[in-house]
Amino acid sequence: MLEVNGKLFKIPTMQQIIVCHQKSDLQESLDNFLDLYYSSRMKYFASDLLQEGLSPYDISKAIDKAMTAAQAGGVEVRRHFTPMYTQTESGLLKDCKLSRLSYALVLLNADGQIPIVARWQLRLVSEFLKQS
């Protein structure tokens, strides 16, 4: 309780506070729901590639290229890439949740001098050539 000018007011707890907007934009609400839905289906994190020998710079560059390729190919980027932050021992890291497709695109666009990337790229090309 808070007393102001002789009147007592009950202070709400964080659980009791409800934010209400005067106007709700239906499209914005739908977009937010879809972003949450798409993100919930993404099982990969770009930061996982740090353990495979890629640097944050390598990952960031590969994500940019992968997003460009997806967009140029007519893929709706937000269905496959969700920018976010991940807490690490050294602090916050700019990260990205990835779908299976976007994870593959990131590996395809990463530096081929990194062993895991080279192996993945060679495996992909081998599978492609088997089907041709």
N, C-alpha and C. Protein backbone atom coordinates (compact mmCIF):
# COMPACT_ATOMS: atom_id res chain seq x y z
N MET A 1 0.84 -1.17 0.00
CA MET A 1 0.00 0.00 0.00
C MET A 1 0.89 1.24 0.00
N LEU A 2 0.39 2.26 -0.68
CA LEU A 2 1.10 3.54 -0.78
C LEU A 2 0.14 4.63 -0.37
N GLU A 3 0.60 5.52 0.52
CA GLU A 3 -0.26 6.62 0.95
C GLU A 3 0.15 7.88 0.22
N VAL A 4 -0.83 8.50 -0.46
CA VAL A 4 -0.61 9.76 -1.16
C VAL A 4 -1.73 10.70 -0.76
N ASN A 5 -1.36 11.84 -0.15
CA ASN A 5 -2.33 12.84 0.29
C ASN A 5 -3.43 12.22 1.15
N GLY A 6 -3.04 11.32 2.04
CA GLY A 6 -3.99 10.73 2.97
C GLY A 6 -4.81 9.58 2.39
N LYS A 7 -4.62 9.25 1.10
CA LYS A 7 -5.36 8.14 0.50
C LYS A 7 -4.43 6.96 0.31
N LEU A 8 -4.94 5.75 0.54
CA LEU A 8 -4.16 4.53 0.39
C LEU A 8 -4.41 3.93 -0.99
N PHE A 9 -3.32 3.56 -1.64
CA PHE A 9 -3.40 2.93 -2.95
C PHE A 9 -2.68 1.59 -2.89
N LYS A 10 -3.31 0.58 -3.47
CA LYS A 10 -2.69 -0.73 -3.54
C LYS A 10 -1.71 -0.72 -4.70
N ILE A 11 -0.45 -1.14 -4.46
CA ILE A 11 0.56 -1.20 -5.50
C ILE A 11 0.48 -2.59 -6.12
N PRO A 12 0.27 -2.68 -7.43
CA PRO A 12 0.19 -4.01 -8.06
C PRO A 12 1.56 -4.67 -8.11
N THR A 13 1.57 -6.00 -8.01
CA THR A 13 2.81 -6.73 -8.20
C THR A 13 3.02 -6.89 -9.70
N MET A 14 4.21 -7.36 -10.08
CA MET A 14 4.50 -7.53 -11.50
C MET A 14 3.51 -8.48 -12.16
N GLN A 15 3.00 -9.45 -11.41
CA GLN A 15 2.05 -10.40 -11.99
C GLN A 15 0.69 -9.76 -12.22
N GLN A 16 0.42 -8.67 -11.55
CA GLN A 16 -0.88 -8.03 -11.68
C GLN A 16 -0.90 -6.94 -12.74
N ILE A 17 0.26 -6.53 -13.21
CA ILE A 17 0.32 -5.46 -14.19
C ILE A 17 -0.03 -6.01 -15.56
N ILE A 18 -0.98 -5.39 -16.21
CA ILE A 18 -1.37 -5.77 -17.56
C ILE A 18 -1.21 -4.54 -18.44
N VAL A 19 -0.50 -4.71 -19.54
CA VAL A 19 -0.32 -3.61 -20.46
C VAL A 19 -1.42 -3.70 -21.51
N CYS A 20 -2.13 -2.63 -21.67
CA CYS A 20 -3.23 -2.61 -22.64
C CYS A 20 -2.98 -1.47 -23.61
N HIS A 21 -3.01 -1.75 -24.87
CA HIS A 21 -2.82 -0.73 -25.89
C HIS A 21 -4.18 -0.26 -26.37
N GLN A 22 -4.31 1.04 -26.59
CA GLN A 22 -5.57 1.60 -27.07
C GLN A 22 -5.94 1.03 -28.43
N LYS A 23 -4.99 1.02 -29.33
CA LYS A 23 -5.24 0.51 -30.67
C LYS A 23 -4.36 -0.71 -30.89
N SER A 24 -4.94 -1.76 -31.40
CA SER A 24 -4.12 -2.91 -31.72
C SER A 24 -4.14 -3.09 -33.23
N ASP A 25 -2.96 -3.26 -33.75
CA ASP A 25 -2.81 -3.47 -35.18
C ASP A 25 -2.88 -4.97 -35.42
N LEU A 26 -3.94 -5.42 -36.06
CA LEU A 26 -4.15 -6.84 -36.29
C LEU A 26 -3.00 -7.45 -37.07
N GLN A 27 -2.49 -6.74 -38.09
CA GLN A 27 -1.39 -7.28 -38.89
C GLN A 27 -0.13 -7.42 -38.05
N GLU A 28 0.14 -6.44 -37.20
CA GLU A 28 1.32 -6.52 -36.33
C GLU A 28 1.20 -7.69 -35.36
N SER A 29 0.02 -7.89 -34.81
CA SER A 29 -0.21 -9.02 -33.90
C SER A 29 -0.02 -10.34 -34.62
N LEU A 30 -0.53 -10.45 -35.82
CA LEU A 30 -0.38 -11.66 -36.61
C LEU A 30 1.09 -11.90 -36.95
N ASP A 31 1.80 -10.85 -37.33
CA ASP A 31 3.24 -10.96 -37.63
C ASP A 31 4.02 -11.44 -36.41
N ASN A 32 3.70 -10.89 -35.24
CA ASN A 32 4.37 -11.30 -34.01
C ASN A 32 4.11 -12.77 -33.71
N PHE A 33 2.86 -13.20 -33.88
CA PHE A 33 2.52 -14.60 -33.67
C PHE A 33 3.28 -15.50 -34.63
N LEU A 34 3.31 -15.12 -35.92
CA LEU A 34 4.01 -15.94 -36.91
C LEU A 34 5.51 -16.00 -36.63
N ASP A 35 6.10 -14.88 -36.23
CA ASP A 35 7.53 -14.88 -35.89
C ASP A 35 7.81 -15.84 -34.73
N LEU A 36 6.93 -15.83 -33.73
CA LEU A 36 7.08 -16.74 -32.60
C LEU A 36 6.92 -18.19 -33.05
N TYR A 37 5.94 -18.45 -33.90
CA TYR A 37 5.71 -19.80 -34.41
C TYR A 37 6.92 -20.29 -35.22
N TYR A 38 7.38 -19.47 -36.15
CA TYR A 38 8.54 -19.86 -36.97
C TYR A 38 9.76 -20.13 -36.09
N SER A 39 9.99 -19.23 -35.14
CA SER A 39 11.15 -19.37 -34.26
C SER A 39 11.08 -20.66 -33.44
N SER A 40 9.89 -21.02 -33.02
CA SER A 40 9.74 -22.23 -32.20
C SER A 40 10.09 -23.50 -32.98
N ARG A 41 10.03 -23.43 -34.29
CA ARG A 41 10.33 -24.58 -35.13
C ARG A 41 11.80 -24.64 -35.55
N MET A 42 12.56 -23.61 -35.23
CA MET A 42 13.98 -23.57 -35.58
C MET A 42 14.77 -24.28 -34.49
N LYS A 43 15.53 -25.28 -34.87
CA LYS A 43 16.21 -26.13 -33.90
C LYS A 43 17.71 -25.86 -33.80
N TYR A 44 18.24 -25.00 -34.63
CA TYR A 44 19.68 -24.76 -34.65
C TYR A 44 19.99 -23.34 -34.21
N PHE A 45 21.19 -23.17 -33.66
CA PHE A 45 21.70 -21.85 -33.30
C PHE A 45 23.00 -21.62 -34.05
N ALA A 46 23.15 -20.45 -34.60
CA ALA A 46 24.39 -20.13 -35.31
C ALA A 46 25.59 -20.23 -34.36
N SER A 47 25.39 -19.89 -33.11
CA SER A 47 26.49 -19.93 -32.13
C SER A 47 27.02 -21.34 -31.91
N ASP A 48 26.24 -22.38 -32.25
CA ASP A 48 26.73 -23.75 -32.13
C ASP A 48 27.95 -23.97 -33.04
N LEU A 49 28.05 -23.18 -34.09
CA LEU A 49 29.17 -23.32 -35.02
C LEU A 49 30.49 -22.83 -34.41
N LEU A 50 30.41 -22.11 -33.31
CA LEU A 50 31.64 -21.70 -32.61
C LEU A 50 32.42 -22.93 -32.14
N GLN A 51 31.68 -23.95 -31.69
CA GLN A 51 32.31 -25.18 -31.21
C GLN A 51 32.91 -25.99 -32.35
N GLU A 52 32.54 -25.65 -33.58
CA GLU A 52 33.06 -26.37 -34.75
C GLU A 52 34.23 -25.64 -35.40
N GLY A 53 34.68 -24.54 -34.77
CA GLY A 53 35.86 -23.85 -35.25
C GLY A 53 35.61 -22.57 -36.04
N LEU A 54 34.34 -22.18 -36.19
CA LEU A 54 34.06 -20.93 -36.89
C LEU A 54 34.14 -19.78 -35.89
N SER A 55 34.64 -18.65 -36.32
CA SER A 55 34.71 -17.48 -35.46
C SER A 55 33.37 -16.72 -35.55
N PRO A 56 33.11 -15.83 -34.60
CA PRO A 56 31.88 -15.03 -34.70
C PRO A 56 31.83 -14.26 -36.02
N TYR A 57 32.98 -13.78 -36.50
CA TYR A 57 33.02 -13.06 -37.78
C TYR A 57 32.65 -13.99 -38.93
N ASP A 58 33.22 -15.21 -38.94
CA ASP A 58 32.91 -16.19 -39.98
C ASP A 58 31.42 -16.50 -40.01
N ILE A 59 30.85 -16.69 -38.84
CA ILE A 59 29.43 -17.02 -38.73
C ILE A 59 28.57 -15.86 -39.23
N SER A 60 28.90 -14.67 -38.79
CA SER A 60 28.12 -13.49 -39.19
C SER A 60 28.15 -13.29 -40.70
N LYS A 61 29.33 -13.44 -41.27
CA LYS A 61 29.48 -13.30 -42.73
C LYS A 61 28.69 -14.38 -43.46
N ALA A 62 28.74 -15.61 -42.99
CA ALA A 62 28.01 -16.72 -43.62
C ALA A 62 26.50 -16.52 -43.49
N ILE A 63 26.04 -16.00 -42.36
CA ILE A 63 24.61 -15.74 -42.18
C ILE A 63 24.15 -14.67 -43.15
N ASP A 64 24.93 -13.60 -43.29
CA ASP A 64 24.57 -12.53 -44.24
C ASP A 64 24.43 -13.09 -45.66
N LYS A 65 25.39 -13.90 -46.06
CA LYS A 65 25.35 -14.50 -47.40
C LYS A 65 24.16 -15.44 -47.54
N ALA A 66 23.92 -16.24 -46.51
CA ALA A 66 22.81 -17.20 -46.54
C ALA A 66 21.46 -16.48 -46.63
N MET A 67 21.32 -15.39 -45.89
CA MET A 67 20.07 -14.61 -45.94
C MET A 67 19.88 -13.98 -47.31
N THR A 68 20.96 -13.49 -47.88
CA THR A 68 20.89 -12.90 -49.22
C THR A 68 20.48 -13.96 -50.24
N ALA A 69 21.08 -15.14 -50.14
CA ALA A 69 20.75 -16.23 -51.06
C ALA A 69 19.30 -16.66 -50.89
N ALA A 70 18.85 -16.77 -49.65
CA ALA A 70 17.46 -17.17 -49.40
C ALA A 70 16.49 -16.16 -50.00
N GLN A 71 16.76 -14.89 -49.74
CA GLN A 71 15.87 -13.84 -50.27
C GLN A 71 15.88 -13.82 -51.79
N ALA A 72 17.05 -13.94 -52.39
CA ALA A 72 17.16 -13.95 -53.86
C ALA A 72 16.46 -15.16 -54.45
N GLY A 73 16.41 -16.26 -53.68
CA GLY A 73 15.77 -17.49 -54.14
C GLY A 73 14.27 -17.52 -53.86
N GLY A 74 13.74 -16.44 -53.32
CA GLY A 74 12.30 -16.37 -53.08
C GLY A 74 11.85 -17.00 -51.77
N VAL A 75 12.80 -17.27 -50.88
CA VAL A 75 12.46 -17.86 -49.58
C VAL A 75 12.13 -16.73 -48.61
N GLU A 76 11.05 -16.90 -47.84
CA GLU A 76 10.70 -15.90 -46.84
C GLU A 76 11.69 -16.01 -45.67
N VAL A 77 12.57 -15.04 -45.57
CA VAL A 77 13.70 -15.08 -44.63
C VAL A 77 13.25 -15.28 -43.19
N ARG A 78 12.20 -14.64 -42.79
CA ARG A 78 11.79 -14.72 -41.38
C ARG A 78 11.34 -16.12 -40.98
N ARG A 79 11.03 -16.97 -41.95
CA ARG A 79 10.65 -18.36 -41.64
C ARG A 79 11.87 -19.21 -41.29
N HIS A 80 13.05 -18.71 -41.58
CA HIS A 80 14.25 -19.52 -41.43
C HIS A 80 15.37 -18.89 -40.60
N PHE A 81 15.29 -17.61 -40.33
CA PHE A 81 16.32 -16.90 -39.57
C PHE A 81 15.64 -16.03 -38.51
N THR A 82 16.03 -16.20 -37.25
CA THR A 82 15.52 -15.34 -36.18
C THR A 82 16.70 -14.77 -35.42
N PRO A 83 17.03 -13.49 -35.65
CA PRO A 83 18.12 -12.86 -34.89
C PRO A 83 17.78 -12.84 -33.40
N MET A 84 18.79 -13.05 -32.58
CA MET A 84 18.60 -13.06 -31.13
C MET A 84 19.95 -12.88 -30.45
N TYR A 85 19.95 -12.89 -29.13
CA TYR A 85 21.18 -12.84 -28.35
C TYR A 85 21.27 -14.07 -27.47
N THR A 86 22.49 -14.58 -27.29
CA THR A 86 22.73 -15.74 -26.45
C THR A 86 23.74 -15.35 -25.38
N GLN A 87 23.48 -15.77 -24.15
CA GLN A 87 24.39 -15.51 -23.05
C GLN A 87 25.50 -16.55 -23.05
N THR A 88 26.75 -16.10 -23.04
CA THR A 88 27.89 -17.00 -22.94
C THR A 88 28.71 -16.61 -21.71
N GLU A 89 29.76 -17.36 -21.44
CA GLU A 89 30.62 -17.03 -20.29
C GLU A 89 31.24 -15.65 -20.44
N SER A 90 31.49 -15.24 -21.68
CA SER A 90 32.14 -13.95 -21.90
C SER A 90 31.14 -12.81 -22.10
N GLY A 91 29.86 -13.07 -22.00
CA GLY A 91 28.86 -12.02 -22.13
C GLY A 91 27.80 -12.37 -23.17
N LEU A 92 27.12 -11.33 -23.65
CA LEU A 92 26.08 -11.53 -24.66
C LEU A 92 26.70 -11.66 -26.04
N LEU A 93 26.16 -12.58 -26.82
CA LEU A 93 26.64 -12.84 -28.17
C LEU A 93 25.48 -12.65 -29.14
N LYS A 94 25.72 -11.89 -30.19
CA LYS A 94 24.71 -11.76 -31.23
C LYS A 94 24.60 -13.12 -31.92
N ASP A 95 23.39 -13.67 -31.95
CA ASP A 95 23.18 -15.03 -32.43
C ASP A 95 22.01 -15.04 -33.40
N CYS A 96 21.69 -16.23 -33.89
CA CYS A 96 20.58 -16.37 -34.82
C CYS A 96 20.04 -17.79 -34.70
N LYS A 97 18.72 -17.92 -34.51
CA LYS A 97 18.11 -19.25 -34.58
C LYS A 97 17.94 -19.57 -36.05
N LEU A 98 18.17 -20.84 -36.38
CA LEU A 98 18.16 -21.26 -37.78
C LEU A 98 17.27 -22.49 -37.98
N SER A 99 16.59 -22.51 -39.10
CA SER A 99 15.87 -23.72 -39.51
C SER A 99 16.89 -24.68 -40.12
N ARG A 100 16.44 -25.84 -40.48
CA ARG A 100 17.35 -26.80 -41.12
C ARG A 100 17.87 -26.24 -42.44
N LEU A 101 16.98 -25.61 -43.20
CA LEU A 101 17.37 -25.00 -44.48
C LEU A 101 18.41 -23.90 -44.27
N SER A 102 18.15 -23.01 -43.33
CA SER A 102 19.08 -21.90 -43.13
C SER A 102 20.41 -22.36 -42.54
N TYR A 103 20.38 -23.39 -41.70
CA TYR A 103 21.62 -23.95 -41.17
C TYR A 103 22.48 -24.47 -42.32
N ALA A 104 21.83 -25.17 -43.25
CA ALA A 104 22.55 -25.68 -44.42
C ALA A 104 23.09 -24.54 -45.27
N LEU A 105 22.30 -23.49 -45.45
CA LEU A 105 22.76 -22.34 -46.24
C LEU A 105 23.95 -21.65 -45.57
N VAL A 106 23.93 -21.57 -44.26
CA VAL A 106 25.05 -20.96 -43.54
C VAL A 106 26.32 -21.79 -43.77
N LEU A 107 26.22 -23.11 -43.63
CA LEU A 107 27.39 -23.96 -43.87
C LEU A 107 27.85 -23.88 -45.33
N LEU A 108 26.91 -23.76 -46.23
CA LEU A 108 27.25 -23.65 -47.65
C LEU A 108 27.99 -22.35 -47.94
N ASN A 109 27.70 -21.30 -47.18
CA ASN A 109 28.30 -19.99 -47.41
C ASN A 109 29.45 -19.66 -46.47
N ALA A 110 29.82 -20.61 -45.62
CA ALA A 110 30.94 -20.38 -44.69
C ALA A 110 32.26 -20.65 -45.39
N ASP A 111 33.33 -20.29 -44.71
CA ASP A 111 34.69 -20.43 -45.24
C ASP A 111 35.05 -21.89 -45.40
N GLY A 112 35.31 -22.32 -46.62
CA GLY A 112 35.64 -23.71 -46.94
C GLY A 112 36.97 -24.18 -46.40
N GLN A 113 37.76 -23.30 -45.81
CA GLN A 113 39.03 -23.71 -45.20
C GLN A 113 38.84 -24.29 -43.80
N ILE A 114 37.66 -24.14 -43.27
CA ILE A 114 37.35 -24.69 -41.96
C ILE A 114 36.92 -26.14 -42.17
N PRO A 115 37.58 -27.10 -41.50
CA PRO A 115 37.35 -28.52 -41.80
C PRO A 115 35.89 -28.97 -41.81
N ILE A 116 35.10 -28.60 -40.81
CA ILE A 116 33.70 -29.06 -40.80
C ILE A 116 32.93 -28.51 -41.99
N VAL A 117 33.23 -27.29 -42.37
CA VAL A 117 32.56 -26.66 -43.51
C VAL A 117 32.96 -27.38 -44.79
N ALA A 118 34.24 -27.63 -44.94
CA ALA A 118 34.73 -28.33 -46.14
C ALA A 118 34.11 -29.71 -46.26
N ARG A 119 34.07 -30.45 -45.14
CA ARG A 119 33.46 -31.80 -45.17
C ARG A 119 31.99 -31.73 -45.56
N TRP A 120 31.27 -30.78 -44.98
CA TRP A 120 29.84 -30.65 -45.27
C TRP A 120 29.61 -30.27 -46.73
N GLN A 121 30.39 -29.33 -47.23
CA GLN A 121 30.25 -28.91 -48.62
C GLN A 121 30.55 -30.07 -49.58
N LEU A 122 31.60 -30.84 -49.29
CA LEU A 122 31.94 -31.99 -50.13
C LEU A 122 30.85 -33.06 -50.09
N ARG A 123 30.30 -33.30 -48.91
CA ARG A 123 29.21 -34.27 -48.78
C ARG A 123 27.98 -33.83 -49.57
N LEU A 124 27.68 -32.55 -49.51
CA LEU A 124 26.53 -32.01 -50.25
C LEU A 124 26.72 -32.17 -51.75
N VAL A 125 27.89 -31.83 -52.23
CA VAL A 125 28.18 -31.95 -53.67
C VAL A 125 28.15 -33.42 -54.09
N SER A 126 28.71 -34.31 -53.27
CA SER A 126 28.69 -35.74 -53.58
C SER A 126 27.27 -36.26 -53.70
N GLU A 127 26.40 -35.87 -52.77
CA GLU A 127 25.00 -36.30 -52.81
C GLU A 127 24.30 -35.74 -54.04
N PHE A 128 24.60 -34.50 -54.37
CA PHE A 128 24.00 -33.88 -55.55
C PHE A 128 24.42 -34.63 -56.81
N LEU A 129 25.71 -34.98 -56.92
CA LEU A 129 26.21 -35.67 -58.11
C LEU A 129 25.66 -37.09 -58.22
N LYS A 130 25.38 -37.74 -57.10
CA LYS A 130 24.79 -39.08 -57.14
C LYS A 130 23.38 -39.04 -57.76
N GLN A 131 22.69 -37.95 -57.52
CA GLN A 131 21.31 -37.84 -58.01
C GLN A 131 21.22 -37.31 -59.43
N SER A 132 22.32 -36.89 -59.97
CA SER A 132 22.30 -36.31 -61.32
C SER A 132 22.42 -37.37 -62.40
